[in-house]
């Protein structure tokens, strides 16, 4: 990619997903970018619905990323991105891993 890293978490995640799908390289960079986007867009915010609501918000945000990747990917690459995003979105973030009193 010739672009410099920008400050837009969504675009950074899309670029990382496209690069990973096309080259197979940068898996952890892609995961970090997607997780950063999910955090920045508020998908991980606790709410009244509990874990189910957080997972639903994460899936909606991940679907937005998948849609943003469509223009650049083949059908097989898009399927690869869809499967990976489903796995990432279906995993709750680890908040508060410290010692609880």
N, C-alpha and C. Protein backbone atom coordinates (compact mmCIF):
# COMPACT_ATOMS: atom_id res chain seq x y z
N UNK A 1 0.83 -1.18 0.00
CA UNK A 1 0.00 0.00 0.00
C UNK A 1 0.88 1.24 0.00
N UNK A 2 0.58 2.16 -0.86
CA UNK A 2 1.39 3.36 -0.96
C UNK A 2 0.89 4.45 -0.03
N UNK A 3 -0.29 4.32 0.50
CA UNK A 3 -0.85 5.33 1.39
C UNK A 3 -0.19 5.29 2.76
N UNK A 4 -0.04 6.47 3.33
CA UNK A 4 0.42 6.55 4.70
C UNK A 4 -0.74 6.19 5.61
N UNK A 5 -0.41 5.71 6.80
CA UNK A 5 -1.44 5.35 7.77
C UNK A 5 -2.20 6.61 8.15
N UNK A 6 -3.52 6.56 8.05
CA UNK A 6 -4.32 7.73 8.38
C UNK A 6 -4.91 7.61 9.78
N UNK A 7 -5.60 8.64 10.20
CA UNK A 7 -6.17 8.67 11.54
C UNK A 7 -7.60 8.16 11.58
N UNK A 8 -8.13 7.68 10.49
CA UNK A 8 -9.49 7.18 10.44
C UNK A 8 -9.48 5.68 10.72
N UNK A 9 -9.96 5.26 11.91
CA UNK A 9 -9.90 3.83 12.25
C UNK A 9 -10.66 2.94 11.27
N UNK A 10 -11.76 3.43 10.73
CA UNK A 10 -12.53 2.61 9.78
C UNK A 10 -11.74 2.38 8.51
N UNK A 11 -11.15 3.44 7.95
CA UNK A 11 -10.38 3.27 6.72
C UNK A 11 -9.13 2.44 6.95
N UNK A 12 -8.51 2.61 8.11
CA UNK A 12 -7.34 1.81 8.45
C UNK A 12 -7.70 0.32 8.51
N UNK A 13 -8.88 0.02 9.10
CA UNK A 13 -9.34 -1.38 9.18
C UNK A 13 -9.65 -1.93 7.79
N UNK A 14 -10.30 -1.13 6.97
CA UNK A 14 -10.63 -1.57 5.60
C UNK A 14 -9.35 -1.85 4.81
N UNK A 15 -8.40 -0.93 4.89
CA UNK A 15 -7.13 -1.12 4.17
C UNK A 15 -6.41 -2.38 4.65
N UNK A 16 -6.41 -2.60 5.97
CA UNK A 16 -5.75 -3.78 6.53
C UNK A 16 -6.45 -5.06 6.09
N UNK A 17 -7.77 -5.05 6.08
CA UNK A 17 -8.54 -6.22 5.63
C UNK A 17 -8.25 -6.54 4.17
N UNK A 18 -8.24 -5.53 3.33
CA UNK A 18 -7.99 -5.73 1.90
C UNK A 18 -6.57 -6.27 1.69
N UNK A 19 -5.60 -5.67 2.37
CA UNK A 19 -4.22 -6.13 2.24
C UNK A 19 -4.08 -7.59 2.68
N UNK A 20 -4.67 -7.93 3.82
CA UNK A 20 -4.60 -9.30 4.33
C UNK A 20 -5.28 -10.28 3.38
N UNK A 21 -6.47 -9.92 2.88
CA UNK A 21 -7.21 -10.82 2.00
C UNK A 21 -6.46 -11.07 0.69
N UNK A 22 -5.80 -10.05 0.18
CA UNK A 22 -5.10 -10.18 -1.09
C UNK A 22 -3.74 -10.85 -0.97
N UNK A 23 -3.03 -10.62 0.15
CA UNK A 23 -1.66 -11.10 0.25
C UNK A 23 -1.48 -12.24 1.25
N UNK A 24 -2.39 -12.34 2.21
CA UNK A 24 -2.23 -13.32 3.27
C UNK A 24 -1.28 -12.86 4.37
N UNK A 25 -0.73 -11.66 4.21
CA UNK A 25 0.21 -11.10 5.18
C UNK A 25 -0.49 -10.07 6.05
N UNK A 26 0.00 -9.88 7.27
CA UNK A 26 -0.52 -8.83 8.14
C UNK A 26 -1.76 -9.22 8.92
N UNK A 27 -1.86 -10.51 9.27
CA UNK A 27 -3.05 -10.98 9.99
C UNK A 27 -3.25 -10.24 11.31
N UNK A 28 -2.20 -10.14 12.11
CA UNK A 28 -2.36 -9.51 13.42
C UNK A 28 -2.55 -8.00 13.31
N UNK A 29 -1.93 -7.40 12.32
CA UNK A 29 -2.16 -5.98 12.05
C UNK A 29 -3.62 -5.75 11.69
N UNK A 30 -4.16 -6.64 10.85
CA UNK A 30 -5.56 -6.54 10.45
C UNK A 30 -6.47 -6.70 11.66
N UNK A 31 -6.22 -7.70 12.50
CA UNK A 31 -7.05 -7.92 13.70
C UNK A 31 -7.00 -6.71 14.63
N UNK A 32 -5.81 -6.17 14.82
CA UNK A 32 -5.67 -4.99 15.67
C UNK A 32 -6.44 -3.80 15.10
N UNK A 33 -6.36 -3.61 13.79
CA UNK A 33 -7.07 -2.50 13.14
C UNK A 33 -8.59 -2.67 13.27
N UNK A 34 -9.07 -3.89 13.09
CA UNK A 34 -10.51 -4.15 13.23
C UNK A 34 -10.94 -3.94 14.68
N UNK A 35 -10.17 -4.47 15.62
CA UNK A 35 -10.51 -4.27 17.03
C UNK A 35 -10.50 -2.79 17.41
N UNK A 36 -9.53 -2.05 16.89
CA UNK A 36 -9.45 -0.61 17.15
C UNK A 36 -10.70 0.10 16.60
N UNK A 37 -11.10 -0.28 15.38
CA UNK A 37 -12.31 0.31 14.80
C UNK A 37 -13.55 -0.02 15.63
N UNK A 38 -13.69 -1.28 16.05
CA UNK A 38 -14.85 -1.68 16.85
C UNK A 38 -14.91 -0.89 18.15
N UNK A 39 -13.76 -0.65 18.74
CA UNK A 39 -13.70 0.14 19.97
C UNK A 39 -14.04 1.60 19.69
N UNK A 40 -13.46 2.16 18.64
CA UNK A 40 -13.64 3.59 18.34
C UNK A 40 -15.06 3.93 17.91
N UNK A 41 -15.77 2.98 17.31
CA UNK A 41 -17.13 3.28 16.85
C UNK A 41 -18.17 3.02 17.94
N UNK A 42 -17.72 2.54 19.10
CA UNK A 42 -18.63 2.34 20.22
C UNK A 42 -19.31 0.99 20.26
N UNK A 43 -18.88 0.07 19.43
CA UNK A 43 -19.51 -1.25 19.40
C UNK A 43 -19.29 -2.05 20.68
N UNK A 44 -18.27 -1.69 21.44
CA UNK A 44 -17.95 -2.43 22.66
C UNK A 44 -18.54 -1.81 23.92
N UNK A 45 -19.27 -0.71 23.76
CA UNK A 45 -19.83 -0.03 24.93
C UNK A 45 -20.87 -0.89 25.62
N UNK A 46 -20.74 -1.06 26.93
CA UNK A 46 -21.76 -1.82 27.66
C UNK A 46 -23.10 -1.09 27.62
N UNK A 47 -24.15 -1.86 27.59
CA UNK A 47 -25.48 -1.26 27.57
C UNK A 47 -26.47 -2.17 28.29
N UNK A 48 -27.72 -1.77 28.29
CA UNK A 48 -28.76 -2.49 29.01
C UNK A 48 -28.89 -3.93 28.54
N UNK A 49 -28.68 -4.19 27.27
CA UNK A 49 -28.86 -5.53 26.73
C UNK A 49 -27.76 -6.52 27.07
N UNK A 50 -26.69 -6.05 27.71
CA UNK A 50 -25.61 -6.94 28.10
C UNK A 50 -24.78 -7.44 26.93
N UNK A 51 -24.25 -8.65 27.10
CA UNK A 51 -23.34 -9.23 26.11
C UNK A 51 -23.98 -9.38 24.74
N UNK A 52 -25.26 -9.74 24.70
CA UNK A 52 -25.92 -9.93 23.40
C UNK A 52 -25.95 -8.64 22.60
N UNK A 53 -26.16 -7.51 23.29
CA UNK A 53 -26.20 -6.22 22.61
C UNK A 53 -24.81 -5.85 22.10
N UNK A 54 -23.79 -6.08 22.91
CA UNK A 54 -22.42 -5.79 22.48
C UNK A 54 -22.08 -6.62 21.25
N UNK A 55 -22.40 -7.90 21.28
CA UNK A 55 -22.12 -8.77 20.12
C UNK A 55 -22.88 -8.30 18.88
N UNK A 56 -24.13 -7.88 19.06
CA UNK A 56 -24.92 -7.38 17.93
C UNK A 56 -24.29 -6.12 17.34
N UNK A 57 -23.86 -5.20 18.20
CA UNK A 57 -23.20 -3.98 17.71
C UNK A 57 -21.90 -4.29 17.00
N UNK A 58 -21.14 -5.25 17.53
CA UNK A 58 -19.89 -5.65 16.89
C UNK A 58 -20.15 -6.26 15.51
N UNK A 59 -21.20 -7.06 15.39
CA UNK A 59 -21.52 -7.67 14.08
C UNK A 59 -21.97 -6.63 13.07
N UNK A 60 -22.75 -5.65 13.52
CA UNK A 60 -23.19 -4.57 12.62
C UNK A 60 -21.98 -3.79 12.12
N UNK A 61 -21.09 -3.42 13.03
CA UNK A 61 -19.89 -2.66 12.65
C UNK A 61 -19.00 -3.49 11.72
N UNK A 62 -18.86 -4.78 11.98
CA UNK A 62 -18.05 -5.65 11.13
C UNK A 62 -18.66 -5.77 9.74
N UNK A 63 -19.98 -5.82 9.66
CA UNK A 63 -20.65 -5.87 8.36
C UNK A 63 -20.37 -4.61 7.56
N UNK A 64 -20.30 -3.46 8.25
CA UNK A 64 -19.97 -2.20 7.58
C UNK A 64 -18.57 -2.28 6.95
N UNK A 65 -17.64 -2.87 7.69
CA UNK A 65 -16.28 -3.04 7.15
C UNK A 65 -16.29 -3.96 5.92
N UNK A 66 -17.05 -5.06 6.02
CA UNK A 66 -17.13 -6.00 4.89
C UNK A 66 -17.68 -5.30 3.64
N UNK A 67 -18.70 -4.48 3.84
CA UNK A 67 -19.29 -3.75 2.72
C UNK A 67 -18.25 -2.80 2.11
N UNK A 68 -17.49 -2.14 2.97
CA UNK A 68 -16.48 -1.20 2.49
C UNK A 68 -15.35 -1.88 1.71
N UNK A 69 -15.18 -3.19 1.88
CA UNK A 69 -14.12 -3.93 1.19
C UNK A 69 -14.55 -4.49 -0.16
N UNK A 70 -15.83 -4.55 -0.41
CA UNK A 70 -16.35 -5.24 -1.59
C UNK A 70 -15.71 -4.77 -2.89
N UNK A 71 -15.53 -3.47 -3.05
CA UNK A 71 -15.03 -2.93 -4.32
C UNK A 71 -13.66 -3.48 -4.71
N UNK A 72 -12.85 -3.89 -3.72
CA UNK A 72 -11.46 -4.23 -4.00
C UNK A 72 -11.18 -5.73 -4.01
N UNK A 73 -12.17 -6.54 -3.67
CA UNK A 73 -11.90 -7.96 -3.46
C UNK A 73 -12.64 -8.85 -4.45
N UNK A 74 -12.02 -9.99 -4.74
CA UNK A 74 -12.70 -11.03 -5.52
C UNK A 74 -13.72 -11.72 -4.62
N UNK A 75 -14.51 -12.56 -5.21
CA UNK A 75 -15.53 -13.29 -4.44
C UNK A 75 -14.87 -14.15 -3.34
N UNK A 76 -13.79 -14.84 -3.68
CA UNK A 76 -13.09 -15.68 -2.70
C UNK A 76 -12.48 -14.85 -1.58
N UNK A 77 -11.87 -13.72 -1.95
CA UNK A 77 -11.28 -12.85 -0.94
C UNK A 77 -12.34 -12.27 -0.02
N UNK A 78 -13.49 -11.91 -0.60
CA UNK A 78 -14.59 -11.36 0.21
C UNK A 78 -15.11 -12.42 1.18
N UNK A 79 -15.19 -13.67 0.74
CA UNK A 79 -15.61 -14.75 1.62
C UNK A 79 -14.64 -14.93 2.77
N UNK A 80 -13.35 -14.83 2.47
CA UNK A 80 -12.31 -14.93 3.49
C UNK A 80 -12.47 -13.82 4.53
N UNK A 81 -12.71 -12.59 4.07
CA UNK A 81 -12.91 -11.45 4.96
C UNK A 81 -14.18 -11.65 5.79
N UNK A 82 -15.26 -12.08 5.15
CA UNK A 82 -16.53 -12.31 5.86
C UNK A 82 -16.36 -13.31 6.99
N UNK A 83 -15.68 -14.42 6.71
CA UNK A 83 -15.47 -15.45 7.74
C UNK A 83 -14.64 -14.92 8.90
N UNK A 84 -13.58 -14.19 8.58
CA UNK A 84 -12.72 -13.67 9.63
C UNK A 84 -13.43 -12.61 10.46
N UNK A 85 -14.17 -11.72 9.81
CA UNK A 85 -14.90 -10.69 10.55
C UNK A 85 -15.98 -11.31 11.45
N UNK A 86 -16.60 -12.37 10.98
CA UNK A 86 -17.59 -13.06 11.80
C UNK A 86 -16.95 -13.58 13.08
N UNK A 87 -15.76 -14.14 12.96
CA UNK A 87 -15.05 -14.64 14.13
C UNK A 87 -14.62 -13.52 15.08
N UNK A 88 -14.12 -12.42 14.51
CA UNK A 88 -13.68 -11.30 15.34
C UNK A 88 -14.88 -10.67 16.04
N UNK A 89 -15.95 -10.43 15.31
CA UNK A 89 -17.13 -9.77 15.88
C UNK A 89 -17.84 -10.65 16.91
N UNK A 90 -17.71 -11.96 16.76
CA UNK A 90 -18.39 -12.88 17.66
C UNK A 90 -17.65 -13.14 18.96
N UNK A 91 -16.52 -12.46 19.14
CA UNK A 91 -15.72 -12.61 20.35
C UNK A 91 -15.82 -11.34 21.17
N UNK A 92 -16.24 -11.47 22.42
CA UNK A 92 -16.35 -10.30 23.28
C UNK A 92 -14.96 -9.76 23.60
N UNK A 93 -14.83 -8.43 23.65
CA UNK A 93 -13.54 -7.85 24.03
C UNK A 93 -13.24 -8.14 25.50
N UNK A 94 -11.97 -8.19 25.81
CA UNK A 94 -11.55 -8.44 27.19
C UNK A 94 -11.33 -7.13 27.89
N UNK A 95 -12.36 -6.68 28.63
CA UNK A 95 -12.25 -5.46 29.42
C UNK A 95 -12.04 -5.83 30.87
N UNK A 96 -11.34 -5.01 31.57
CA UNK A 96 -11.18 -5.20 33.00
C UNK A 96 -10.51 -6.49 33.36
N UNK A 97 -9.40 -6.82 32.73
CA UNK A 97 -8.69 -8.05 33.02
C UNK A 97 -7.84 -7.96 34.28
N UNK A 98 -7.84 -6.79 34.91
CA UNK A 98 -7.03 -6.60 36.11
C UNK A 98 -7.63 -7.27 37.32
N UNK A 99 -6.96 -7.08 38.46
CA UNK A 99 -7.42 -7.69 39.71
C UNK A 99 -8.64 -6.95 40.22
N UNK A 100 -9.67 -7.68 40.55
CA UNK A 100 -10.89 -7.07 41.08
C UNK A 100 -10.90 -7.18 42.59
N UNK A 101 -11.40 -6.17 43.22
CA UNK A 101 -11.45 -6.17 44.69
C UNK A 101 -12.84 -6.41 45.18
